[in-house]
Amino acid sequence: MGLFSVQLHPEHGPARAGGPVEPLPVRLRLAARAALRNTRGEIAAALREAKLAAIAATNDARIVGILLVLAALALGLEMAASFHLL
């Protein structure tokens, strides 16, 4: 026997895995469906918020990129002026 060996009871073994499933009560099925529907809605809302955050971050990155390019151009012009190239 290995370190994490487990002996299963015969009624819980792999042979019983494909056995018949007992039907669930109607109230339990309805509650499960409602819970899944609510969870699906919450996940969709979270994904919409994440999408908006990603768009905002992308827009911020574009703005920062443009500012960095403008700063590099200004620095280049300043250096050119200091070397009397302009």
Protein backbone atom coordinates (compact mmCIF):
# COMPACT_ATOMS: atom_id res chain seq x y z
CA MET A 1 0.00 0.00 0.00
CA GLY A 2 1.28 3.45 -0.91
CA LEU A 3 1.42 6.59 1.12
CA PHE A 4 -1.99 7.88 0.02
CA SER A 5 -3.72 4.57 -0.64
CA VAL A 6 -7.44 4.37 0.04
CA GLN A 7 -9.61 1.31 0.18
CA LEU A 8 -13.10 2.00 -1.10
CA HIS A 9 -16.17 0.24 0.12
CA PRO A 10 -17.51 -1.98 -2.71
CA GLU A 11 -20.71 0.05 -3.06
CA HIS A 12 -18.69 3.24 -3.70
CA GLY A 13 -16.24 1.77 -6.21
CA PRO A 14 -15.87 2.53 -9.91
CA ALA A 15 -18.32 -0.23 -10.81
CA ARG A 16 -21.12 1.76 -9.14
CA ALA A 17 -20.20 5.05 -10.81
CA GLY A 18 -22.43 4.40 -13.82
CA GLY A 19 -25.37 3.18 -11.78
CA PRO A 20 -28.85 4.64 -11.89
CA VAL A 21 -29.30 8.13 -10.47
CA GLU A 22 -32.20 8.77 -8.16
CA PRO A 23 -34.40 11.66 -9.32
CA LEU A 24 -34.20 14.85 -7.28
CA PRO A 25 -37.28 16.40 -5.68
CA VAL A 26 -38.93 19.13 -7.75
CA ARG A 27 -38.26 21.87 -5.19
CA LEU A 28 -34.57 20.99 -5.09
CA ARG A 29 -34.33 21.00 -8.90
CA LEU A 30 -36.05 24.38 -9.08
CA ALA A 31 -33.79 25.81 -6.38
CA ALA A 32 -30.70 24.50 -8.17
CA ARG A 33 -31.82 26.02 -11.46
CA ALA A 34 -32.51 29.37 -9.79
CA ALA A 35 -29.09 29.31 -8.12
CA LEU A 36 -27.39 28.55 -11.44
CA ARG A 37 -29.36 31.33 -13.16
CA ASN A 38 -28.37 33.83 -10.45
CA THR A 39 -24.74 32.72 -10.55
CA ARG A 40 -24.70 33.01 -14.33
CA GLY A 41 -26.00 36.58 -14.06
CA GLU A 42 -23.40 37.48 -11.44
CA ILE A 43 -20.59 36.06 -13.56
CA ALA A 44 -21.84 37.96 -16.62
CA ALA A 45 -21.93 41.20 -14.62
CA ALA A 46 -18.39 40.60 -13.33
CA LEU A 47 -17.16 39.92 -16.87
CA ARG A 48 -18.77 43.15 -18.11
CA GLU A 49 -17.00 45.08 -15.33
CA ALA A 50 -13.69 43.39 -16.16
CA LYS A 51 -14.14 44.26 -19.83
CA LEU A 52 -14.77 47.91 -18.99
CA ALA A 53 -11.71 47.96 -16.71
CA ALA A 54 -9.58 46.46 -19.48
CA ILE A 55 -10.82 49.07 -21.96
CA ALA A 56 -10.08 51.87 -19.48
CA ALA A 57 -6.58 50.48 -18.84
CA THR A 58 -5.94 50.26 -22.58
CA ASN A 59 -7.06 53.85 -23.04
CA ASP A 60 -4.83 54.96 -20.16
CA ALA A 61 -1.89 53.09 -21.68
CA ARG A 62 -2.47 54.81 -25.03
CA ILE A 63 -2.54 58.21 -23.36
CA VAL A 64 0.66 57.47 -21.44
CA GLY A 65 2.30 56.20 -24.63
CA ILE A 66 1.43 59.38 -26.51
CA LEU A 67 2.74 61.52 -23.64
CA LEU A 68 6.01 59.54 -23.63
CA VAL A 69 6.44 60.04 -27.38
CA LEU A 70 5.78 63.76 -27.01
CA ALA A 71 8.26 63.96 -24.13
CA ALA A 72 10.89 62.16 -26.23
CA LEU A 73 10.30 64.59 -29.11
CA ALA A 74 10.59 67.56 -26.76
CA LEU A 75 13.81 66.15 -25.30
CA GLY A 76 15.21 65.59 -28.80
CA LEU A 77 14.37 69.15 -29.81
CA GLU A 78 15.93 70.49 -26.60
CA MET A 79 19.11 68.50 -27.19
CA ALA A 80 19.28 69.60 -30.82
CA ALA A 81 18.90 73.22 -29.75
CA SER A 82 21.60 72.87 -27.11
CA PHE A 83 24.04 71.48 -29.71
CA HIS A 84 23.08 74.34 -32.05
CA LEU A 85 21.76 71.92 -34.65
CA LEU A 86 18.52 73.86 -35.09
